[in-house]
PDB file of all heavy atoms in Angstrom:
ATOM      1  N   TRP A   1       0.842  -1.194   0.000  1.00  0.00           N
ATOM      2  CA  TRP A   1       0.000   0.000   0.000  1.00  0.00           C
ATOM      3  C   TRP A   1       0.875   1.240   0.000  1.00  0.00           C
ATOM      4  O   TRP A   1       1.976   1.245   0.583  1.00  0.00           O
ATOM      5  CB  TRP A   1      -0.877   0.027   1.248  1.00  0.00           C
ATOM      6  CG  TRP A   1      -2.016  -0.940   1.270  1.00  0.00           C
ATOM      7  CD1 TRP A   1      -2.825  -1.296   0.236  1.00  0.00           C
ATOM      8  CD2 TRP A   1      -2.495  -1.666   2.418  1.00  0.00           C
ATOM      9  NE1 TRP A   1      -3.763  -2.201   0.644  1.00  0.00           N
ATOM     10  CE2 TRP A   1      -3.588  -2.447   1.981  1.00  0.00           C
ATOM     11  CE3 TRP A   1      -2.109  -1.729   3.751  1.00  0.00           C
ATOM     12  CZ2 TRP A   1      -4.295  -3.275   2.843  1.00  0.00           C
ATOM     13  CZ3 TRP A   1      -2.808  -2.559   4.608  1.00  0.00           C
ATOM     14  CH2 TRP A   1      -3.896  -3.328   4.160  1.00  0.00           C
ATOM     15  N   TYR A   2       0.376   2.321  -0.598  1.00  0.00           N
ATOM     16  CA  TYR A   2       1.091   3.595  -0.628  1.00  0.00           C
ATOM     17  C   TYR A   2       0.129   4.733  -0.302  1.00  0.00           C
ATOM     18  O   TYR A   2      -0.984   4.791  -0.831  1.00  0.00           O
ATOM     19  CB  TYR A   2       1.724   3.834  -1.997  1.00  0.00           C
ATOM     20  CG  TYR A   2       2.648   2.708  -2.420  1.00  0.00           C
ATOM     21  CD1 TYR A   2       2.233   1.749  -3.335  1.00  0.00           C
ATOM     22  CD2 TYR A   2       3.928   2.588  -1.874  1.00  0.00           C
ATOM     23  CE1 TYR A   2       3.065   0.704  -3.716  1.00  0.00           C
ATOM     24  CE2 TYR A   2       4.768   1.541  -2.250  1.00  0.00           C
ATOM     25  CZ  TYR A   2       4.325   0.602  -3.167  1.00  0.00           C
ATOM     26  OH  TYR A   2       5.149  -0.435  -3.530  1.00  0.00           O
ATOM     27  N   VAL A   3       0.535   5.605   0.571  1.00  0.00           N
ATOM     28  CA  VAL A   3      -0.088   6.862   1.025  1.00  0.00           C
ATOM     29  C   VAL A   3      -1.427   6.698   1.740  1.00  0.00           C
ATOM     30  O   VAL A   3      -1.819   7.582   2.498  1.00  0.00           O
ATOM     31  CB  VAL A   3      -0.226   7.933  -0.098  1.00  0.00           C
ATOM     32  CG1 VAL A   3       1.099   8.182  -0.777  1.00  0.00           C
ATOM     33  CG2 VAL A   3      -1.313   7.616  -1.107  1.00  0.00           C
ATOM     34  N   ILE A   4      -2.168   5.617   1.541  1.00  0.00           N
ATOM     35  CA  ILE A   4      -3.424   5.457   2.277  1.00  0.00           C
ATOM     36  C   ILE A   4      -3.126   5.169   3.747  1.00  0.00           C
ATOM     37  O   ILE A   4      -2.173   4.483   4.070  1.00  0.00           O
ATOM     38  CB  ILE A   4      -4.321   4.364   1.668  1.00  0.00           C
ATOM     39  CG1 ILE A   4      -3.601   3.010   1.592  1.00  0.00           C
ATOM     40  CG2 ILE A   4      -4.806   4.788   0.275  1.00  0.00           C
ATOM     41  CD1 ILE A   4      -4.500   1.860   1.100  1.00  0.00           C
ATOM     42  N   ASN A   5      -3.962   5.705   4.629  1.00  0.00           N
ATOM     43  CA  ASN A   5      -3.655   5.631   6.060  1.00  0.00           C
ATOM     44  C   ASN A   5      -4.825   5.147   6.902  1.00  0.00           C
ATOM     45  O   ASN A   5      -4.677   4.268   7.734  1.00  0.00           O
ATOM     46  CB  ASN A   5      -3.184   6.994   6.552  1.00  0.00           C
ATOM     47  CG  ASN A   5      -2.585   6.990   7.938  1.00  0.00           C
ATOM     48  OD1 ASN A   5      -2.169   8.008   8.444  1.00  0.00           O
ATOM     49  ND2 ASN A   5      -2.523   5.836   8.593  1.00  0.00           N
ATOM     50  N   SER A   6      -6.026   5.713   6.719  1.00  0.00           N
ATOM     51  CA  SER A   6      -7.140   5.273   7.557  1.00  0.00           C
ATOM     52  C   SER A   6      -8.473   5.636   6.913  1.00  0.00           C
ATOM     53  O   SER A   6      -8.554   6.502   6.038  1.00  0.00           O
ATOM     54  CB  SER A   6      -7.063   5.881   8.960  1.00  0.00           C
ATOM     55  OG  SER A   6      -7.227   7.283   8.913  1.00  0.00           O
ATOM     56  N   ILE A   7      -9.512   4.946   7.364  1.00  0.00           N
ATOM     57  CA  ILE A   7     -10.886   5.214   6.952  1.00  0.00           C
ATOM     58  C   ILE A   7     -11.728   5.309   8.217  1.00  0.00           C
ATOM     59  O   ILE A   7     -11.616   4.470   9.114  1.00  0.00           O
ATOM     60  CB  ILE A   7     -11.441   4.102   6.037  1.00  0.00           C
ATOM     61  CG1 ILE A   7     -10.565   3.936   4.798  1.00  0.00           C
ATOM     62  CG2 ILE A   7     -12.886   4.405   5.637  1.00  0.00           C
ATOM     63  CD1 ILE A   7     -10.932   2.720   3.960  1.00  0.00           C
ATOM     64  N   GLU A   8     -12.591   6.326   8.273  1.00  0.00           N
ATOM     65  CA  GLU A   8     -13.478   6.512   9.407  1.00  0.00           C
ATOM     66  C   GLU A   8     -14.902   6.671   8.911  1.00  0.00           C
ATOM     67  O   GLU A   8     -15.142   7.150   7.795  1.00  0.00           O
ATOM     68  CB  GLU A   8     -13.063   7.758  10.204  1.00  0.00           C
ATOM     69  CG  GLU A   8     -11.645   7.673  10.756  1.00  0.00           C
ATOM     70  CD  GLU A   8     -11.198   8.968  11.411  1.00  0.00           C
ATOM     71  OE1 GLU A   8     -11.959   9.970  11.329  1.00  0.00           O
ATOM     72  OE2 GLU A   8     -10.104   8.988  11.988  1.00  0.00           O
ATOM     73  N   VAL A   9     -15.845   6.245   9.742  1.00  0.00           N
ATOM     74  CA  VAL A   9     -17.262   6.387   9.408  1.00  0.00           C
ATOM     75  C   VAL A   9     -17.968   7.123  10.538  1.00  0.00           C
ATOM     76  O   VAL A   9     -17.521   7.116  11.693  1.00  0.00           O
ATOM     77  CB  VAL A   9     -17.942   5.017   9.193  1.00  0.00           C
ATOM     78  CG1 VAL A   9     -17.372   4.336   7.966  1.00  0.00           C
ATOM     79  CG2 VAL A   9     -17.813   4.130  10.429  1.00  0.00           C
ATOM     80  N   ILE A  10     -19.061   7.785  10.186  1.00  0.00           N
ATOM     81  CA  ILE A  10     -19.924   8.368  11.207  1.00  0.00           C
ATOM     82  C   ILE A  10     -20.766   7.241  11.816  1.00  0.00           C
ATOM     83  O   ILE A  10     -21.407   6.468  11.097  1.00  0.00           O
ATOM     84  CB  ILE A  10     -20.831   9.450  10.605  1.00  0.00           C
ATOM     85  CG1 ILE A  10     -20.008  10.695  10.252  1.00  0.00           C
ATOM     86  CG2 ILE A  10     -21.939   9.823  11.585  1.00  0.00           C
ATOM     87  CD1 ILE A  10     -19.496  11.467  11.465  1.00  0.00           C
ATOM     88  N   ALA A  11     -20.719   7.138  13.130  1.00  0.00           N
ATOM     89  CA  ALA A  11     -21.441   6.076  13.833  1.00  0.00           C
ATOM     90  C   ALA A  11     -22.096   6.648  15.079  1.00  0.00           C
ATOM     91  O   ALA A  11     -21.832   7.795  15.477  1.00  0.00           O
ATOM     92  CB  ALA A  11     -20.486   4.940  14.191  1.00  0.00           C
ATOM     93  N   ASP A  12     -22.929   5.837  15.715  1.00  0.00           N
ATOM     94  CA  ASP A  12     -23.648   6.335  16.886  1.00  0.00           C
ATOM     95  C   ASP A  12     -22.767   6.308  18.123  1.00  0.00           C
ATOM     96  O   ASP A  12     -21.614   5.846  18.091  1.00  0.00           O
ATOM     97  CB  ASP A  12     -24.942   5.550  17.106  1.00  0.00           C
ATOM     98  CG  ASP A  12     -24.710   4.069  17.373  1.00  0.00           C
ATOM     99  OD1 ASP A  12     -23.673   3.713  17.967  1.00  0.00           O
ATOM    100  OD2 ASP A  12     -25.582   3.257  16.990  1.00  0.00           O
ATOM    101  N   ALA A  13     -23.310   6.768  19.222  1.00  0.00           N
ATOM    102  CA  ALA A  13     -22.519   6.947  20.439  1.00  0.00           C
ATOM    103  C   ALA A  13     -21.969   5.649  20.995  1.00  0.00           C
ATOM    104  O   ALA A  13     -20.953   5.648  21.700  1.00  0.00           O
ATOM    105  CB  ALA A  13     -23.365   7.641  21.506  1.00  0.00           C
ATOM    106  N   GLY A  14     -22.608   4.515  20.674  1.00  0.00           N
ATOM    107  CA  GLY A  14     -22.163   3.237  21.211  1.00  0.00           C
ATOM    108  C   GLY A  14     -21.093   2.560  20.402  1.00  0.00           C
ATOM    109  O   GLY A  14     -20.653   1.458  20.759  1.00  0.00           O
ATOM    110  N   ALA A  15     -20.642   3.165  19.322  1.00  0.00           N
ATOM    111  CA  ALA A  15     -19.626   2.563  18.463  1.00  0.00           C
ATOM    112  C   ALA A  15     -18.230   3.003  18.890  1.00  0.00           C
ATOM    113  O   ALA A  15     -18.012   4.169  19.242  1.00  0.00           O
ATOM    114  CB  ALA A  15     -19.868   2.949  17.009  1.00  0.00           C
ATOM    115  N   PHE A  16     -17.282   2.063  18.850  1.00  0.00           N
ATOM    116  CA  PHE A  16     -15.893   2.343  19.221  1.00  0.00           C
ATOM    117  C   PHE A  16     -14.969   1.501  18.360  1.00  0.00           C
ATOM    118  O   PHE A  16     -15.425   0.689  17.553  1.00  0.00           O
ATOM    119  CB  PHE A  16     -15.659   2.026  20.704  1.00  0.00           C
ATOM    120  CG  PHE A  16     -16.418   2.909  21.653  1.00  0.00           C
ATOM    121  CD1 PHE A  16     -17.630   2.495  22.194  1.00  0.00           C
ATOM    122  CD2 PHE A  16     -15.922   4.163  21.984  1.00  0.00           C
ATOM    123  CE1 PHE A  16     -18.336   3.315  23.055  1.00  0.00           C
ATOM    124  CE2 PHE A  16     -16.622   4.994  22.845  1.00  0.00           C
ATOM    125  CZ  PHE A  16     -17.833   4.567  23.386  1.00  0.00           C
ATOM    126  N   ALA A  17     -13.670   1.703  18.546  1.00  0.00           N
ATOM    127  CA  ALA A  17     -12.683   0.948  17.783  1.00  0.00           C
ATOM    128  C   ALA A  17     -11.663   0.311  18.718  1.00  0.00           C
ATOM    129  O   ALA A  17     -11.399   0.804  19.816  1.00  0.00           O
ATOM    130  CB  ALA A  17     -11.969   1.848  16.775  1.00  0.00           C
ATOM    131  N   ILE A  18     -11.088  -0.797  18.240  1.00  0.00           N
ATOM    132  CA  ILE A  18      -9.956  -1.469  18.871  1.00  0.00           C
ATOM    133  C   ILE A  18      -8.723  -1.161  18.042  1.00  0.00           C
ATOM    134  O   ILE A  18      -8.735  -1.314  16.818  1.00  0.00           O
ATOM    135  CB  ILE A  18     -10.160  -2.993  18.905  1.00  0.00           C
ATOM    136  CG1 ILE A  18     -11.435  -3.363  19.670  1.00  0.00           C
ATOM    137  CG2 ILE A  18      -8.936  -3.703  19.491  1.00  0.00           C
ATOM    138  CD1 ILE A  18     -11.865  -4.808  19.441  1.00  0.00           C
ATOM    139  N   ALA A  19      -7.649  -0.736  18.676  1.00  0.00           N
ATOM    140  CA  ALA A  19      -6.380  -0.520  17.986  1.00  0.00           C
ATOM    141  C   ALA A  19      -5.411  -1.616  18.401  1.00  0.00           C
ATOM    142  O   ALA A  19      -5.227  -1.873  19.595  1.00  0.00           O
ATOM    143  CB  ALA A  19      -5.799   0.853  18.330  1.00  0.00           C
ATOM    144  N   ALA A  20      -4.808  -2.281  17.420  1.00  0.00           N
ATOM    145  CA  ALA A  20      -3.849  -3.358  17.688  1.00  0.00           C
ATOM    146  C   ALA A  20      -2.457  -2.890  17.302  1.00  0.00           C
ATOM    147  O   ALA A  20      -2.176  -2.667  16.119  1.00  0.00           O
ATOM    148  CB  ALA A  20      -4.227  -4.611  16.911  1.00  0.00           C
ATOM    149  N   LEU A  21      -1.590  -2.725  18.295  1.00  0.00           N
ATOM    150  CA  LEU A  21      -0.218  -2.285  18.076  1.00  0.00           C
ATOM    151  C   LEU A  21       0.676  -3.517  18.043  1.00  0.00           C
ATOM    152  O   LEU A  21       0.685  -4.314  18.979  1.00  0.00           O
ATOM    153  CB  LEU A  21       0.215  -1.354  19.209  1.00  0.00           C
ATOM    154  CG  LEU A  21       1.642  -0.818  19.146  1.00  0.00           C
ATOM    155  CD1 LEU A  21       1.807   0.154  17.981  1.00  0.00           C
ATOM    156  CD2 LEU A  21       2.011  -0.126  20.466  1.00  0.00           C
ATOM    157  N   GLY A  22       1.455  -3.676  16.973  1.00  0.00           N
ATOM    158  CA  GLY A  22       2.256  -4.885  16.900  1.00  0.00           C
ATOM    159  C   GLY A  22       3.310  -4.869  15.821  1.00  0.00           C
ATOM    160  O   GLY A  22       3.587  -3.844  15.195  1.00  0.00           O
ATOM    161  N   ASN A  23       3.897  -6.054  15.612  1.00  0.00           N
ATOM    162  CA  ASN A  23       4.942  -6.247  14.603  1.00  0.00           C
ATOM    163  C   ASN A  23       4.405  -7.145  13.497  1.00  0.00           C
ATOM    164  O   ASN A  23       3.227  -7.080  13.161  1.00  0.00           O
ATOM    165  CB  ASN A  23       6.194  -6.819  15.274  1.00  0.00           C
ATOM    166  CG  ASN A  23       5.857  -7.961  16.228  1.00  0.00           C
ATOM    167  OD1 ASN A  23       5.122  -8.879  15.883  1.00  0.00           O
ATOM    168  ND2 ASN A  23       6.379  -7.907  17.445  1.00  0.00           N
ATOM    169  N   SER A  24       5.254  -8.009  12.926  1.00  0.00           N
ATOM    170  CA  SER A  24       4.824  -8.821  11.786  1.00  0.00           C
ATOM    171  C   SER A  24       3.718  -9.805  12.137  1.00  0.00           C
ATOM    172  O   SER A  24       2.932 -10.199  11.259  1.00  0.00           O
ATOM    173  CB  SER A  24       6.015  -9.582  11.202  1.00  0.00           C
ATOM    174  OG  SER A  24       6.625 -10.403  12.191  1.00  0.00           O
ATOM    175  N   ILE A  25       3.621 -10.205  13.397  1.00  0.00           N
ATOM    176  CA  ILE A  25       2.578 -11.164  13.786  1.00  0.00           C
ATOM    177  C   ILE A  25       1.212 -10.493  13.782  1.00  0.00           C
ATOM    178  O   ILE A  25       0.191 -11.140  13.531  1.00  0.00           O
ATOM    179  CB  ILE A  25       2.924 -11.810  15.140  1.00  0.00           C
ATOM    180  CG1 ILE A  25       4.178 -12.686  14.980  1.00  0.00           C
ATOM    181  CG2 ILE A  25       1.761 -12.638  15.679  1.00  0.00           C
ATOM    182  CD1 ILE A  25       4.694 -13.289  16.262  1.00  0.00           C
ATOM    183  N   THR A  26       1.165  -9.185  14.020  1.00  0.00           N
ATOM    184  CA  THR A  26      -0.080  -8.436  13.863  1.00  0.00           C
ATOM    185  C   THR A  26      -0.261  -8.004  12.415  1.00  0.00           C
ATOM    186  O   THR A  26      -1.373  -8.032  11.874  1.00  0.00           O
ATOM    187  CB  THR A  26      -0.085  -7.229  14.807  1.00  0.00           C
ATOM    188  OG1 THR A  26      -0.069  -7.704  16.166  1.00  0.00           O
ATOM    189  CG2 THR A  26      -1.307  -6.354  14.601  1.00  0.00           C
ATOM    190  N   ASP A  27       0.849  -7.628  11.766  1.00  0.00           N
ATOM    191  CA  ASP A  27       0.810  -7.227  10.359  1.00  0.00           C
ATOM    192  C   ASP A  27       0.365  -8.377   9.465  1.00  0.00           C
ATOM    193  O   ASP A  27      -0.186  -8.162   8.386  1.00  0.00           O
ATOM    194  CB  ASP A  27       2.208  -6.745   9.949  1.00  0.00           C
ATOM    195  CG  ASP A  27       2.181  -5.769   8.786  1.00  0.00           C
ATOM    196  OD1 ASP A  27       1.130  -5.154   8.539  1.00  0.00           O
ATOM    197  OD2 ASP A  27       3.224  -5.630   8.132  1.00  0.00           O
TER     198      ASP A  27
END
């Protein structure tokens, strides 16, 4: 991939995200 970074959507108050920080095993 090149230059693309993230996508976000408008969601209701009960919506959240999980962020996974890692190396090749997460990649």
